[in-house]
Amino acid sequence: ARQKEAENVETAVVAVNVDELVPEVDPALEIELTREIELDSAPGGASADDLSFELPKRVLGACWPLIAMWPVLYAGYQIESALGIL
C-alpha cells in the first residue's frame, strides 16, 4: 500500500526570487558588457566605430541656442521652484 502512495506523490516546484541570487550590476558595466557582446556577435566582424553614435554637424549646429540658453532656463526653473509656482 505504501508503494502505491509513494508512486502517487507529486513534487512541488518552489519559485525563487531571482533578486536574492543575482547581485545588482553597475549600469556602466552592463553597458560595456552589452557592447562587447554586440561586437562579438556582429556579422562580418564589426568594429567599435560601427557601433558608436555621433550626431551630425547639422544637428549640433541647430542645438546651439538651447545650449547657450540652458543656464537661463535652469535659473528660471530654480526661481519658479523657490517661489512655489511649480
PDB file of N, CA and C in Angstrom:
ATOM      1  N   ALA A   1       0.818  -1.179   0.000  1.00  0.00           N
ATOM      2  CA  ALA A   1       0.000   0.000   0.000  1.00  0.00           C
ATOM      3  C   ALA A   1       0.873   1.258   0.000  1.00  0.00           C
ATOM      4  N   ARG A   2       2.012   1.199   0.721  1.00  0.00           N
ATOM      5  CA  ARG A   2       2.883   2.356   0.779  1.00  0.00           C
ATOM      6  C   ARG A   2       3.557   2.602  -0.569  1.00  0.00           C
ATOM      7  N   GLN A   3       3.804   1.565  -1.336  1.00  0.00           N
ATOM      8  CA  GLN A   3       4.419   1.750  -2.651  1.00  0.00           C
ATOM      9  C   GLN A   3       3.474   2.519  -3.566  1.00  0.00           C
ATOM     10  N   LYS A   4       2.199   2.244  -3.507  1.00  0.00           N
ATOM     11  CA  LYS A   4       1.230   2.966  -4.318  1.00  0.00           C
ATOM     12  C   LYS A   4       1.180   4.436  -3.905  1.00  0.00           C
ATOM     13  N   GLU A   5       1.247   4.698  -2.582  1.00  0.00           N
ATOM     14  CA  GLU A   5       1.264   6.081  -2.103  1.00  0.00           C
ATOM     15  C   GLU A   5       2.536   6.790  -2.567  1.00  0.00           C
ATOM     16  N   ALA A   6       3.654   6.123  -2.538  1.00  0.00           N
ATOM     17  CA  ALA A   6       4.925   6.714  -2.947  1.00  0.00           C
ATOM     18  C   ALA A   6       4.912   7.025  -4.444  1.00  0.00           C
ATOM     19  N   GLU A   7       4.269   6.225  -5.239  1.00  0.00           N
ATOM     20  CA  GLU A   7       4.197   6.460  -6.668  1.00  0.00           C
ATOM     21  C   GLU A   7       3.282   7.643  -6.991  1.00  0.00           C
ATOM     22  N   ASN A   8       2.295   7.886  -6.159  1.00  0.00           N
ATOM     23  CA  ASN A   8       1.324   8.944  -6.405  1.00  0.00           C
ATOM     24  C   ASN A   8       1.773  10.308  -5.869  1.00  0.00           C
ATOM     25  N   VAL A   9       2.911  10.344  -5.205  1.00  0.00           N
ATOM     26  CA  VAL A   9       3.391  11.605  -4.640  1.00  0.00           C
ATOM     27  C   VAL A   9       3.881  12.508  -5.777  1.00  0.00           C
ATOM     28  N   GLU A  10       3.397  13.728  -5.764  1.00  0.00           N
ATOM     29  CA  GLU A  10       3.829  14.697  -6.769  1.00  0.00           C
ATOM     30  C   GLU A  10       4.846  15.644  -6.148  1.00  0.00           C
ATOM     31  N   THR A  11       5.789  16.086  -6.962  1.00  0.00           N
ATOM     32  CA  THR A  11       6.788  17.027  -6.456  1.00  0.00           C
ATOM     33  C   THR A  11       6.317  18.448  -6.731  1.00  0.00           C
ATOM     34  N   ALA A  12       6.537  19.315  -5.785  1.00  0.00           N
ATOM     35  CA  ALA A  12       6.128  20.713  -5.917  1.00  0.00           C
ATOM     36  C   ALA A  12       7.331  21.549  -6.345  1.00  0.00           C
ATOM     37  N   VAL A  13       7.059  22.500  -7.198  1.00  0.00           N
ATOM     38  CA  VAL A  13       8.097  23.417  -7.648  1.00  0.00           C
ATOM     39  C   VAL A  13       7.940  24.716  -6.870  1.00  0.00           C
ATOM     40  N   VAL A  14       9.047  25.169  -6.302  1.00  0.00           N
ATOM     41  CA  VAL A  14       9.012  26.377  -5.493  1.00  0.00           C
ATOM     42  C   VAL A  14       9.675  27.503  -6.278  1.00  0.00           C
ATOM     43  N   ALA A  15       9.001  28.636  -6.366  1.00  0.00           N
ATOM     44  CA  ALA A  15       9.566  29.793  -7.060  1.00  0.00           C
ATOM     45  C   ALA A  15      10.581  30.487  -6.148  1.00  0.00           C
ATOM     46  N   VAL A  16      11.673  30.907  -6.748  1.00  0.00           N
ATOM     47  CA  VAL A  16      12.723  31.584  -6.007  1.00  0.00           C
ATOM     48  C   VAL A  16      12.844  33.004  -6.536  1.00  0.00           C
ATOM     49  N   ASN A  17      13.002  33.955  -5.635  1.00  0.00           N
ATOM     50  CA  ASN A  17      13.196  35.345  -6.025  1.00  0.00           C
ATOM     51  C   ASN A  17      14.601  35.490  -6.598  1.00  0.00           C
ATOM     52  N   VAL A  18      14.693  35.862  -7.853  1.00  0.00           N
ATOM     53  CA  VAL A  18      15.984  35.954  -8.536  1.00  0.00           C
ATOM     54  C   VAL A  18      16.830  37.085  -7.970  1.00  0.00           C
ATOM     55  N   ASP A  19      16.199  38.134  -7.478  1.00  0.00           N
ATOM     56  CA  ASP A  19      16.946  39.269  -6.935  1.00  0.00           C
ATOM     57  C   ASP A  19      17.834  38.861  -5.768  1.00  0.00           C
ATOM     58  N   GLU A  20      17.431  37.812  -5.058  1.00  0.00           N
ATOM     59  CA  GLU A  20      18.231  37.350  -3.928  1.00  0.00           C
ATOM     60  C   GLU A  20      19.485  36.615  -4.405  1.00  0.00           C
ATOM     61  N   LEU A  21      19.415  35.995  -5.563  1.00  0.00           N
ATOM     62  CA  LEU A  21      20.522  35.187  -6.048  1.00  0.00           C
ATOM     63  C   LEU A  21      21.482  35.959  -6.945  1.00  0.00           C
ATOM     64  N   VAL A  22      20.951  36.910  -7.705  1.00  0.00           N
ATOM     65  CA  VAL A  22      21.765  37.640  -8.670  1.00  0.00           C
ATOM     66  C   VAL A  22      22.073  39.022  -8.106  1.00  0.00           C
ATOM     67  N   PRO A  23      23.350  39.342  -7.942  1.00  0.00           N
ATOM     68  CA  PRO A  23      23.668  40.673  -7.423  1.00  0.00           C
ATOM     69  C   PRO A  23      23.372  41.748  -8.466  1.00  0.00           C
ATOM     70  N   GLU A  24      23.128  42.964  -8.012  1.00  0.00           N
ATOM     71  CA  GLU A  24      22.855  44.076  -8.928  1.00  0.00           C
ATOM     72  C   GLU A  24      24.141  44.454  -9.656  1.00  0.00           C
ATOM     73  N   VAL A  25      24.004  44.705 -10.942  1.00  0.00           N
ATOM     74  CA  VAL A  25      25.163  45.029 -11.779  1.00  0.00           C
ATOM     75  C   VAL A  25      25.196  46.529 -12.001  1.00  0.00           C
ATOM     76  N   ASP A  26      26.403  47.087 -11.942  1.00  0.00           N
ATOM     77  CA  ASP A  26      26.585  48.505 -12.202  1.00  0.00           C
ATOM     78  C   ASP A  26      26.157  48.801 -13.638  1.00  0.00           C
ATOM     79  N   PRO A  27      25.331  49.839 -13.866  1.00  0.00           N
ATOM     80  CA  PRO A  27      24.856  50.134 -15.226  1.00  0.00           C
ATOM     81  C   PRO A  27      25.985  50.372 -16.224  1.00  0.00           C
ATOM     82  N   ALA A  28      27.071  51.003 -15.801  1.00  0.00           N
ATOM     83  CA  ALA A  28      28.189  51.234 -16.716  1.00  0.00           C
ATOM     84  C   ALA A  28      28.817  49.915 -17.147  1.00  0.00           C
ATOM     85  N   LEU A  29      28.938  48.981 -16.216  1.00  0.00           N
ATOM     86  CA  LEU A  29      29.488  47.668 -16.546  1.00  0.00           C
ATOM     87  C   LEU A  29      28.552  46.907 -17.473  1.00  0.00           C
ATOM     88  N   GLU A  30      27.252  47.019 -17.219  1.00  0.00           N
ATOM     89  CA  GLU A  30      26.271  46.340 -18.067  1.00  0.00           C
ATOM     90  C   GLU A  30      26.317  46.867 -19.498  1.00  0.00           C
ATOM     91  N   ILE A  31      26.467  48.176 -19.647  1.00  0.00           N
ATOM     92  CA  ILE A  31      26.572  48.772 -20.981  1.00  0.00           C
ATOM     93  C   ILE A  31      27.819  48.279 -21.693  1.00  0.00           C
ATOM     94  N   GLU A  32      28.941  48.252 -20.988  1.00  0.00           N
ATOM     95  CA  GLU A  32      30.190  47.812 -21.600  1.00  0.00           C
ATOM     96  C   GLU A  32      30.120  46.339 -21.997  1.00  0.00           C
ATOM     97  N   LEU A  33      29.546  45.499 -21.142  1.00  0.00           N
ATOM     98  CA  LEU A  33      29.416  44.082 -21.475  1.00  0.00           C
ATOM     99  C   LEU A  33      28.486  43.878 -22.662  1.00  0.00           C
ATOM    100  N   THR A  34      27.409  44.655 -22.725  1.00  0.00           N
ATOM    101  CA  THR A  34      26.487  44.563 -23.861  1.00  0.00           C
ATOM    102  C   THR A  34      27.198  44.957 -25.152  1.00  0.00           C
ATOM    103  N   ARG A  35      28.017  46.001 -25.092  1.00  0.00           N
ATOM    104  CA  ARG A  35      28.752  46.444 -26.281  1.00  0.00           C
ATOM    105  C   ARG A  35      29.731  45.363 -26.745  1.00  0.00           C
ATOM    106  N   GLU A  36      30.405  44.719 -25.795  1.00  0.00           N
ATOM    107  CA  GLU A  36      31.329  43.647 -26.167  1.00  0.00           C
ATOM    108  C   GLU A  36      30.600  42.466 -26.790  1.00  0.00           C
ATOM    109  N   ILE A  37      29.438  42.128 -26.256  1.00  0.00           N
ATOM    110  CA  ILE A  37      28.648  41.021 -26.829  1.00  0.00           C
ATOM    111  C   ILE A  37      28.199  41.380 -28.233  1.00  0.00           C
ATOM    112  N   GLU A  38      27.767  42.634 -28.440  1.00  0.00           N
ATOM    113  CA  GLU A  38      27.351  43.058 -29.780  1.00  0.00           C
ATOM    114  C   GLU A  38      28.524  43.020 -30.751  1.00  0.00           C
ATOM    115  N   LEU A  39      29.708  43.387 -30.300  1.00  0.00           N
ATOM    116  CA  LEU A  39      30.887  43.334 -31.172  1.00  0.00           C
ATOM    117  C   LEU A  39      31.227  41.890 -31.531  1.00  0.00           C
ATOM    118  N   ASP A  40      31.134  41.001 -30.540  1.00  0.00           N
ATOM    119  CA  ASP A  40      31.468  39.595 -30.785  1.00  0.00           C
ATOM    120  C   ASP A  40      30.458  38.914 -31.691  1.00  0.00           C
ATOM    121  N   SER A  41      29.182  39.286 -31.572  1.00  0.00           N
ATOM    122  CA  SER A  41      28.151  38.592 -32.337  1.00  0.00           C
ATOM    123  C   SER A  41      27.796  39.296 -33.647  1.00  0.00           C
ATOM    124  N   ALA A  42      28.425  40.432 -33.934  1.00  0.00           N
ATOM    125  CA  ALA A  42      28.107  41.167 -35.161  1.00  0.00           C
ATOM    126  C   ALA A  42      28.618  40.413 -36.384  1.00  0.00           C
ATOM    127  N   PRO A  43      27.792  40.314 -37.422  1.00  0.00           N
ATOM    128  CA  PRO A  43      28.243  39.632 -38.628  1.00  0.00           C
ATOM    129  C   PRO A  43      29.310  40.458 -39.345  1.00  0.00           C
ATOM    130  N   GLY A  44      30.300  39.780 -39.860  1.00  0.00           N
ATOM    131  CA  GLY A  44      31.355  40.465 -40.604  1.00  0.00           C
ATOM    132  C   GLY A  44      32.377  41.137 -39.713  1.00  0.00           C
ATOM    133  N   GLY A  45      32.364  40.862 -38.423  1.00  0.00           N
ATOM    134  CA  GLY A  45      33.355  41.428 -37.524  1.00  0.00           C
ATOM    135  C   GLY A  45      33.298  42.937 -37.443  1.00  0.00           C
ATOM    136  N   ALA A  46      32.207  43.474 -36.937  1.00  0.00           N
ATOM    137  CA  ALA A  46      32.047  44.921 -36.823  1.00  0.00           C
ATOM    138  C   ALA A  46      33.059  45.481 -35.832  1.00  0.00           C
ATOM    139  N   SER A  47      33.475  46.715 -36.082  1.00  0.00           N
ATOM    140  CA  SER A  47      34.420  47.363 -35.179  1.00  0.00           C
ATOM    141  C   SER A  47      33.660  48.245 -34.199  1.00  0.00           C
ATOM    142  N   ALA A  48      34.364  48.787 -33.221  1.00  0.00           N
ATOM    143  CA  ALA A  48      33.742  49.664 -32.237  1.00  0.00           C
ATOM    144  C   ALA A  48      33.207  50.928 -32.898  1.00  0.00           C
ATOM    145  N   ASP A  49      33.848  51.373 -33.981  1.00  0.00           N
ATOM    146  CA  ASP A  49      33.381  52.563 -34.692  1.00  0.00           C
ATOM    147  C   ASP A  49      32.018  52.327 -35.345  1.00  0.00           C
ATOM    148  N   ASP A  50      31.748  51.092 -35.724  1.00  0.00           N
ATOM    149  CA  ASP A  50      30.457  50.774 -36.339  1.00  0.00           C
ATOM    150  C   ASP A  50      29.308  50.905 -35.336  1.00  0.00           C
ATOM    151  N   LEU A  51      29.605  50.684 -34.055  1.00  0.00           N
ATOM    152  CA  LEU A  51      28.569  50.747 -33.031  1.00  0.00           C
ATOM    153  C   LEU A  51      28.505  52.109 -32.348  1.00  0.00           C
ATOM    154  N   SER A  52      29.436  52.994 -32.652  1.00  0.00           N
ATOM    155  CA  SER A  52      29.432  54.300 -31.991  1.00  0.00           C
ATOM    156  C   SER A  52      28.354  55.190 -32.591  1.00  0.00           C
ATOM    157  N   PHE A  53      27.929  56.160 -31.816  1.00  0.00           N
ATOM    158  CA  PHE A  53      26.874  57.071 -32.235  1.00  0.00           C
ATOM    159  C   PHE A  53      27.442  58.479 -32.248  1.00  0.00           C
ATOM    160  N   GLU A  54      27.266  59.168 -33.352  1.00  0.00           N
ATOM    161  CA  GLU A  54      27.765  60.527 -33.470  1.00  0.00           C
ATOM    162  C   GLU A  54      26.676  61.407 -34.067  1.00  0.00           C
ATOM    163  N   LEU A  55      26.466  62.567 -33.475  1.00  0.00           N
ATOM    164  CA  LEU A  55      25.475  63.486 -34.015  1.00  0.00           C
ATOM    165  C   LEU A  55      26.028  64.195 -35.246  1.00  0.00           C
ATOM    166  N   PRO A  56      25.224  64.346 -36.268  1.00  0.00           N
ATOM    167  CA  PRO A  56      25.673  65.101 -37.437  1.00  0.00           C
ATOM    168  C   PRO A  56      25.919  66.559 -37.072  1.00  0.00           C
ATOM    169  N   LYS A  57      26.780  67.220 -37.833  1.00  0.00           N
ATOM    170  CA  LYS A  57      27.113  68.611 -37.544  1.00  0.00           C
ATOM    171  C   LYS A  57      25.897  69.517 -37.698  1.00  0.00           C
ATOM    172  N   ARG A  58      24.955  69.164 -38.575  1.00  0.00           N
ATOM    173  CA  ARG A  58      23.730  69.969 -38.724  1.00  0.00           C
ATOM    174  C   ARG A  58      22.928  69.989 -37.429  1.00  0.00           C
ATOM    175  N   VAL A  59      22.861  68.834 -36.762  1.00  0.00           N
ATOM    176  CA  VAL A  59      22.105  68.755 -35.510  1.00  0.00           C
ATOM    177  C   VAL A  59      22.801  69.580 -34.439  1.00  0.00           C
ATOM    178  N   LEU A  60      24.117  69.438 -34.350  1.00  0.00           N
ATOM    179  CA  LEU A  60      24.850  70.214 -33.358  1.00  0.00           C
ATOM    180  C   LEU A  60      24.738  71.706 -33.632  1.00  0.00           C
ATOM    181  N   GLY A  61      24.749  72.077 -34.912  1.00  0.00           N
ATOM    182  CA  GLY A  61      24.596  73.485 -35.277  1.00  0.00           C
ATOM    183  C   GLY A  61      23.229  74.025 -34.921  1.00  0.00           C
ATOM    184  N   ALA A  62      22.215  73.177 -34.998  1.00  0.00           N
ATOM    185  CA  ALA A  62      20.856  73.606 -34.680  1.00  0.00           C
ATOM    186  C   ALA A  62      20.619  73.660 -33.170  1.00  0.00           C
ATOM    187  N   CYS A  63      21.439  72.995 -32.389  1.00  0.00           N
ATOM    188  CA  CYS A  63      21.235  72.925 -30.935  1.00  0.00           C
ATOM    189  C   CYS A  63      21.913  74.056 -30.171  1.00  0.00           C
ATOM    190  N   TRP A  64      22.720  74.862 -30.816  1.00  0.00           N
ATOM    191  CA  TRP A  64      23.486  75.857 -30.062  1.00  0.00           C
ATOM    192  C   TRP A  64      22.609  76.837 -29.286  1.00  0.00           C
ATOM    193  N   PRO A  65      21.412  77.239 -29.777  1.00  0.00           N
ATOM    194  CA  PRO A  65      20.603  78.143 -28.938  1.00  0.00           C
ATOM    195  C   PRO A  65      20.169  77.491 -27.616  1.00  0.00           C
ATOM    196  N   LEU A  66      19.810  76.222 -27.675  1.00  0.00           N
ATOM    197  CA  LEU A  66      19.422  75.532 -26.448  1.00  0.00           C
ATOM    198  C   LEU A  66      20.607  75.420 -25.502  1.00  0.00           C
ATOM    199  N   ILE A  67      21.767  75.111 -26.044  1.00  0.00           N
ATOM    200  CA  ILE A  67      22.959  75.001 -25.208  1.00  0.00           C
ATOM    201  C   ILE A  67      23.311  76.358 -24.597  1.00  0.00           C
ATOM    202  N   ALA A  68      23.181  77.430 -25.380  1.00  0.00           N
ATOM    203  CA  ALA A  68      23.501  78.768 -24.885  1.00  0.00           C
ATOM    204  C   ALA A  68      22.491  79.235 -23.838  1.00  0.00           C
ATOM    205  N   MET A  69      21.227  78.855 -23.984  1.00  0.00           N
ATOM    206  CA  MET A  69      20.182  79.321 -23.072  1.00  0.00           C
ATOM    207  C   MET A  69      19.983  78.408 -21.859  1.00  0.00           C
ATOM    208  N   TRP A  70      20.671  77.296 -21.825  1.00  0.00           N
ATOM    209  CA  TRP A  70      20.462  76.338 -20.740  1.00  0.00           C
ATOM    210  C   TRP A  70      20.627  76.959 -19.352  1.00  0.00           C
ATOM    211  N   PRO A  71      21.661  77.753 -19.072  1.00  0.00           N
ATOM    212  CA  PRO A  71      21.774  78.345 -17.731  1.00  0.00           C
ATOM    213  C   PRO A  71      20.583  79.254 -17.394  1.00  0.00           C
ATOM    214  N   VAL A  72      20.079  79.994 -18.373  1.00  0.00           N
ATOM    215  CA  VAL A  72      18.936  80.874 -18.136  1.00  0.00           C
ATOM    216  C   VAL A  72      17.680  80.046 -17.848  1.00  0.00           C
ATOM    217  N   LEU A  73      17.461  78.991 -18.619  1.00  0.00           N
ATOM    218  CA  LEU A  73      16.299  78.134 -18.399  1.00  0.00           C
ATOM    219  C   LEU A  73      16.359  77.457 -17.025  1.00  0.00           C
ATOM    220  N   TYR A  74      17.538  76.991 -16.648  1.00  0.00           N
ATOM    221  CA  TYR A  74      17.693  76.321 -15.355  1.00  0.00           C
ATOM    222  C   TYR A  74      17.490  77.312 -14.211  1.00  0.00           C
ATOM    223  N   ALA A  75      18.019  78.526 -14.348  1.00  0.00           N
ATOM    224  CA  ALA A  75      17.831  79.543 -13.308  1.00  0.00           C
ATOM    225  C   ALA A  75      16.343  79.885 -13.172  1.00  0.00           C
ATOM    226  N   GLY A  76      15.648  79.997 -14.292  1.00  0.00           N
ATOM    227  CA  GLY A  76      14.209  80.257 -14.246  1.00  0.00           C
ATOM    228  C   GLY A  76      13.455  79.149 -13.543  1.00  0.00           C
ATOM    229  N   TYR A  77      13.841  77.922 -13.794  1.00  0.00           N
ATOM    230  CA  TYR A  77      13.214  76.777 -13.124  1.00  0.00           C
ATOM    231  C   TYR A  77      13.460  76.836 -11.609  1.00  0.00           C
ATOM    232  N   GLN A  78      14.694  77.159 -11.226  1.00  0.00           N
ATOM    233  CA  GLN A  78      15.022  77.237  -9.801  1.00  0.00           C
ATOM    234  C   GLN A  78      14.219  78.342  -9.114  1.00  0.00           C
ATOM    235  N   ILE A  79      14.059  79.471  -9.779  1.00  0.00           N
ATOM    236  CA  ILE A  79      13.288  80.579  -9.208  1.00  0.00           C
ATOM    237  C   ILE A  79      11.823  80.179  -9.068  1.00  0.00           C
ATOM    238  N   GLU A  80      11.264  79.544 -10.091  1.00  0.00           N
ATOM    239  CA  GLU A  80       9.872  79.103 -10.016  1.00  0.00           C
ATOM    240  C   GLU A  80       9.681  78.075  -8.907  1.00  0.00           C
ATOM    241  N   SER A  81      10.641  77.184  -8.742  1.00  0.00           N
ATOM    242  CA  SER A  81      10.545  76.190  -7.664  1.00  0.00           C
ATOM    243  C   SER A  81      10.622  76.859  -6.295  1.00  0.00           C
ATOM    244  N   ALA A  82      11.514  77.850  -6.159  1.00  0.00           N
ATOM    245  CA  ALA A  82      11.659  78.542  -4.873  1.00  0.00           C
ATOM    246  C   ALA A  82      10.401  79.332  -4.522  1.00  0.00           C
ATOM    247  N   LEU A  83       9.746  79.902  -5.514  1.00  0.00           N
ATOM    248  CA  LEU A  83       8.533  80.690  -5.262  1.00  0.00           C
ATOM    249  C   LEU A  83       7.284  79.818  -5.140  1.00  0.00           C
ATOM    250  N   GLY A  84       7.433  78.526  -5.453  1.00  0.00           N
ATOM    251  CA  GLY A  84       6.295  77.610  -5.327  1.00  0.00           C
ATOM    252  C   GLY A  84       5.345  77.679  -6.514  1.00  0.00           C
ATOM    253  N   ILE A  85       5.811  78.197  -7.633  1.00  0.00           N
ATOM    254  CA  ILE A  85       4.962  78.291  -8.819  1.00  0.00           C
ATOM    255  C   ILE A  85       4.794  76.908  -9.439  1.00  0.00           C
ATOM    256  N   LEU A  86       5.830  76.107  -9.402  1.00  0.00           N
ATOM    257  CA  LEU A  86       5.752  74.755  -9.991  1.00  0.00           C
ATOM    258  C   LEU A  86       5.267  73.757  -8.987  1.00  0.00           C
TER     259      LEU A  86
END
